[in-house]
Amino acid sequence: MVVDGDLIPMAGVDLVRNYARIPIMTGVARKEWAHKKPQFYNLHRKSVLTAEESGESVFRIIEGSFHDTSPVKLSNSTLHLVANASFVR
């Protein structure tokens, strides 16, 4: 994978698991998501959510919510890395 122009020779989840200096929450309890409708997260009521759908949702949440308050915009490759690392089975 390429992130911000650098070749990362491992999957996003492995990268975070091995090198994150702070704990990263990779799952979210239903209560924490309950204050907003599933449409906000682009999640429809499904019994199964694929890694691709989860990654797309995380990408959109960061791009749509985080970037509104951040002075620095994350590159698409960084957003994809975070989205990839956010999916846990």
N, C-alpha and C. Protein backbone atom coordinates (compact mmCIF):
# COMPACT_ATOMS: atom_id res chain seq x y z
N MET A 1 0.84 -1.16 0.00
CA MET A 1 0.00 0.00 0.00
C MET A 1 0.90 1.23 0.00
N VAL A 2 0.44 2.32 -0.63
CA VAL A 2 1.18 3.58 -0.65
C VAL A 2 0.39 4.60 0.15
N VAL A 3 1.05 5.22 1.13
CA VAL A 3 0.42 6.23 1.98
C VAL A 3 1.27 7.48 1.93
N ASP A 4 0.67 8.59 1.52
CA ASP A 4 1.37 9.87 1.41
C ASP A 4 2.69 9.74 0.66
N GLY A 5 2.69 8.93 -0.39
CA GLY A 5 3.86 8.77 -1.23
C GLY A 5 4.89 7.77 -0.73
N ASP A 6 4.66 7.17 0.43
CA ASP A 6 5.59 6.18 0.98
C ASP A 6 5.00 4.78 0.84
N LEU A 7 5.84 3.82 0.46
CA LEU A 7 5.41 2.43 0.35
C LEU A 7 5.36 1.81 1.74
N ILE A 8 4.20 1.28 2.11
CA ILE A 8 4.02 0.60 3.39
C ILE A 8 3.87 -0.88 3.08
N PRO A 9 4.84 -1.71 3.47
CA PRO A 9 4.83 -3.13 3.06
C PRO A 9 3.99 -4.03 3.95
N MET A 10 2.85 -3.54 4.43
CA MET A 10 1.97 -4.39 5.23
C MET A 10 0.55 -3.84 5.15
N ALA A 11 -0.41 -4.65 5.57
CA ALA A 11 -1.81 -4.24 5.57
C ALA A 11 -2.02 -3.17 6.64
N GLY A 12 -3.04 -2.35 6.45
CA GLY A 12 -3.33 -1.27 7.39
C GLY A 12 -3.52 -1.74 8.81
N VAL A 13 -4.26 -2.83 9.00
CA VAL A 13 -4.51 -3.35 10.34
C VAL A 13 -3.21 -3.78 11.00
N ASP A 14 -2.34 -4.46 10.25
CA ASP A 14 -1.05 -4.89 10.80
C ASP A 14 -0.17 -3.70 11.15
N LEU A 15 -0.19 -2.69 10.31
CA LEU A 15 0.59 -1.48 10.57
C LEU A 15 0.16 -0.83 11.88
N VAL A 16 -1.13 -0.67 12.07
CA VAL A 16 -1.64 -0.05 13.30
C VAL A 16 -1.34 -0.94 14.50
N ARG A 17 -1.60 -2.23 14.36
CA ARG A 17 -1.39 -3.16 15.47
C ARG A 17 0.08 -3.17 15.92
N ASN A 18 1.00 -3.10 14.98
CA ASN A 18 2.42 -3.21 15.32
C ASN A 18 3.08 -1.88 15.69
N TYR A 19 2.60 -0.76 15.15
CA TYR A 19 3.35 0.49 15.30
C TYR A 19 2.57 1.66 15.91
N ALA A 20 1.30 1.52 16.20
CA ALA A 20 0.56 2.63 16.79
C ALA A 20 1.10 2.93 18.18
N ARG A 21 1.35 4.20 18.43
CA ARG A 21 1.89 4.59 19.74
C ARG A 21 0.80 4.86 20.75
N ILE A 22 -0.43 4.97 20.29
CA ILE A 22 -1.56 5.16 21.19
C ILE A 22 -2.60 4.10 20.87
N PRO A 23 -3.44 3.75 21.84
CA PRO A 23 -4.51 2.78 21.53
C PRO A 23 -5.46 3.38 20.50
N ILE A 24 -5.88 2.58 19.57
CA ILE A 24 -6.81 3.03 18.54
C ILE A 24 -8.08 2.21 18.66
N MET A 25 -9.21 2.89 18.76
CA MET A 25 -10.48 2.19 18.85
C MET A 25 -10.87 1.73 17.45
N THR A 26 -11.01 0.44 17.28
CA THR A 26 -11.35 -0.08 15.96
C THR A 26 -12.74 -0.68 15.91
N GLY A 27 -13.50 -0.50 16.94
CA GLY A 27 -14.88 -0.95 16.97
C GLY A 27 -15.72 0.08 17.69
N VAL A 28 -16.98 0.12 17.43
CA VAL A 28 -17.84 1.11 18.05
C VAL A 28 -19.10 0.42 18.55
N ALA A 29 -19.43 0.68 19.80
CA ALA A 29 -20.64 0.10 20.39
C ALA A 29 -21.88 0.77 19.80
N ARG A 30 -22.96 0.06 19.77
CA ARG A 30 -24.19 0.61 19.20
C ARG A 30 -24.63 1.88 19.91
N LYS A 31 -24.44 1.95 21.23
CA LYS A 31 -24.86 3.15 21.96
C LYS A 31 -24.13 4.39 21.46
N GLU A 32 -22.87 4.23 21.12
CA GLU A 32 -22.08 5.38 20.67
C GLU A 32 -22.52 5.87 19.30
N TRP A 33 -23.11 5.00 18.51
CA TRP A 33 -23.58 5.40 17.19
C TRP A 33 -25.06 5.78 17.22
N ALA A 34 -25.74 5.54 18.34
CA ALA A 34 -27.19 5.65 18.39
C ALA A 34 -27.70 7.09 18.30
N HIS A 35 -26.88 8.07 18.62
CA HIS A 35 -27.37 9.45 18.63
C HIS A 35 -27.58 10.02 17.23
N LYS A 36 -27.08 9.35 16.22
CA LYS A 36 -27.30 9.79 14.84
C LYS A 36 -27.89 8.65 14.04
N LYS A 37 -28.65 9.00 13.05
CA LYS A 37 -29.29 7.98 12.23
C LYS A 37 -28.26 7.29 11.35
N PRO A 38 -28.53 6.02 10.97
CA PRO A 38 -27.59 5.28 10.12
C PRO A 38 -27.28 6.00 8.81
N GLN A 39 -28.22 6.80 8.33
CA GLN A 39 -27.99 7.51 7.08
C GLN A 39 -26.82 8.50 7.20
N PHE A 40 -26.61 9.05 8.42
CA PHE A 40 -25.49 9.97 8.62
C PHE A 40 -24.17 9.28 8.31
N TYR A 41 -24.07 8.04 8.71
CA TYR A 41 -22.85 7.26 8.50
C TYR A 41 -22.87 6.51 7.17
N ASN A 42 -23.91 6.72 6.39
CA ASN A 42 -24.11 6.00 5.14
C ASN A 42 -24.20 4.49 5.39
N LEU A 43 -24.76 4.14 6.51
CA LEU A 43 -24.96 2.73 6.85
C LEU A 43 -26.45 2.45 6.82
N HIS A 44 -26.83 1.48 6.09
CA HIS A 44 -28.23 1.08 6.07
C HIS A 44 -28.38 -0.11 7.01
N ARG A 45 -29.55 -0.38 7.42
CA ARG A 45 -29.75 -1.50 8.34
C ARG A 45 -29.45 -2.81 7.62
N LYS A 46 -28.35 -3.40 7.99
CA LYS A 46 -27.91 -4.65 7.38
C LYS A 46 -27.50 -5.60 8.48
N SER A 47 -27.66 -6.87 8.22
CA SER A 47 -27.18 -7.85 9.19
C SER A 47 -25.70 -8.13 8.99
N VAL A 48 -25.19 -7.82 7.80
CA VAL A 48 -23.77 -8.04 7.49
C VAL A 48 -23.23 -6.78 6.81
N LEU A 49 -22.10 -6.31 7.29
CA LEU A 49 -21.44 -5.15 6.69
C LEU A 49 -20.07 -5.61 6.21
N THR A 50 -19.82 -5.48 4.93
CA THR A 50 -18.54 -5.95 4.38
C THR A 50 -17.42 -4.99 4.73
N ALA A 51 -16.19 -5.46 4.60
CA ALA A 51 -15.02 -4.62 4.87
C ALA A 51 -15.01 -3.42 3.93
N GLU A 52 -15.39 -3.64 2.68
CA GLU A 52 -15.41 -2.54 1.71
C GLU A 52 -16.44 -1.48 2.10
N GLU A 53 -17.65 -1.91 2.49
CA GLU A 53 -18.69 -0.97 2.91
C GLU A 53 -18.27 -0.22 4.17
N SER A 54 -17.67 -0.93 5.10
CA SER A 54 -17.19 -0.30 6.33
C SER A 54 -16.11 0.73 6.02
N GLY A 55 -15.16 0.37 5.17
CA GLY A 55 -14.10 1.29 4.79
C GLY A 55 -14.62 2.54 4.11
N GLU A 56 -15.58 2.38 3.21
CA GLU A 56 -16.17 3.53 2.53
C GLU A 56 -16.87 4.44 3.52
N SER A 57 -17.57 3.86 4.49
CA SER A 57 -18.27 4.66 5.49
C SER A 57 -17.29 5.44 6.37
N VAL A 58 -16.24 4.78 6.83
CA VAL A 58 -15.24 5.45 7.65
C VAL A 58 -14.59 6.58 6.85
N PHE A 59 -14.26 6.31 5.59
CA PHE A 59 -13.66 7.33 4.72
C PHE A 59 -14.57 8.55 4.64
N ARG A 60 -15.84 8.33 4.40
CA ARG A 60 -16.80 9.44 4.26
C ARG A 60 -16.97 10.21 5.57
N ILE A 61 -17.00 9.49 6.69
CA ILE A 61 -17.15 10.15 7.99
C ILE A 61 -15.97 11.08 8.25
N ILE A 62 -14.77 10.58 8.04
CA ILE A 62 -13.58 11.41 8.27
C ILE A 62 -13.55 12.57 7.29
N GLU A 63 -13.79 12.28 6.04
CA GLU A 63 -13.75 13.32 5.01
C GLU A 63 -14.83 14.38 5.26
N GLY A 64 -16.01 13.94 5.69
CA GLY A 64 -17.12 14.88 5.87
C GLY A 64 -17.16 15.58 7.21
N SER A 65 -16.74 14.93 8.28
CA SER A 65 -16.86 15.50 9.62
C SER A 65 -15.53 16.02 10.15
N PHE A 66 -14.50 15.20 10.10
CA PHE A 66 -13.20 15.58 10.65
C PHE A 66 -12.59 16.75 9.89
N HIS A 67 -12.66 16.72 8.58
CA HIS A 67 -12.04 17.77 7.78
C HIS A 67 -12.69 19.12 7.97
N ASP A 68 -13.94 19.15 8.41
CA ASP A 68 -14.61 20.43 8.66
C ASP A 68 -13.94 21.19 9.80
N THR A 69 -13.35 20.49 10.75
CA THR A 69 -12.76 21.13 11.92
C THR A 69 -11.24 21.08 11.94
N SER A 70 -10.63 20.46 10.96
CA SER A 70 -9.18 20.27 10.95
C SER A 70 -8.50 21.33 10.08
N PRO A 71 -7.42 21.94 10.59
CA PRO A 71 -6.70 22.91 9.76
C PRO A 71 -5.89 22.24 8.65
N VAL A 72 -5.59 20.96 8.83
CA VAL A 72 -4.81 20.21 7.84
C VAL A 72 -5.67 19.09 7.28
N LYS A 73 -5.74 19.00 5.98
CA LYS A 73 -6.52 17.94 5.34
C LYS A 73 -5.66 16.70 5.15
N LEU A 74 -6.21 15.55 5.50
CA LEU A 74 -5.51 14.28 5.30
C LEU A 74 -5.62 13.88 3.83
N SER A 75 -4.59 13.26 3.31
CA SER A 75 -4.62 12.81 1.92
C SER A 75 -5.55 11.60 1.79
N ASN A 76 -5.98 11.33 0.58
CA ASN A 76 -6.85 10.17 0.34
C ASN A 76 -6.19 8.87 0.78
N SER A 77 -4.87 8.74 0.55
CA SER A 77 -4.20 7.50 0.93
C SER A 77 -4.20 7.32 2.45
N THR A 78 -4.09 8.41 3.20
CA THR A 78 -4.16 8.31 4.66
C THR A 78 -5.57 7.95 5.10
N LEU A 79 -6.57 8.54 4.46
CA LEU A 79 -7.97 8.20 4.78
C LEU A 79 -8.24 6.73 4.50
N HIS A 80 -7.72 6.22 3.39
CA HIS A 80 -7.91 4.81 3.07
C HIS A 80 -7.21 3.91 4.09
N LEU A 81 -6.03 4.33 4.57
CA LEU A 81 -5.32 3.56 5.60
C LEU A 81 -6.15 3.49 6.88
N VAL A 82 -6.69 4.61 7.32
CA VAL A 82 -7.52 4.63 8.53
C VAL A 82 -8.77 3.78 8.32
N ALA A 83 -9.41 3.92 7.16
CA ALA A 83 -10.61 3.13 6.87
C ALA A 83 -10.30 1.64 6.87
N ASN A 84 -9.17 1.27 6.29
CA ASN A 84 -8.77 -0.14 6.24
C ASN A 84 -8.52 -0.67 7.64
N ALA A 85 -7.86 0.12 8.47
CA ALA A 85 -7.53 -0.32 9.83
C ALA A 85 -8.75 -0.32 10.74
N SER A 86 -9.83 0.33 10.33
CA SER A 86 -11.01 0.44 11.18
C SER A 86 -11.92 -0.77 11.15
N PHE A 87 -11.72 -1.64 10.17
CA PHE A 87 -12.62 -2.79 10.04
C PHE A 87 -12.10 -3.96 10.86
N VAL A 88 -12.92 -4.43 11.77
CA VAL A 88 -12.58 -5.59 12.59
C VAL A 88 -13.71 -6.59 12.47
N ARG A 89 -13.36 -7.83 12.23
CA ARG A 89 -14.40 -8.86 12.14
C ARG A 89 -14.75 -9.39 13.50
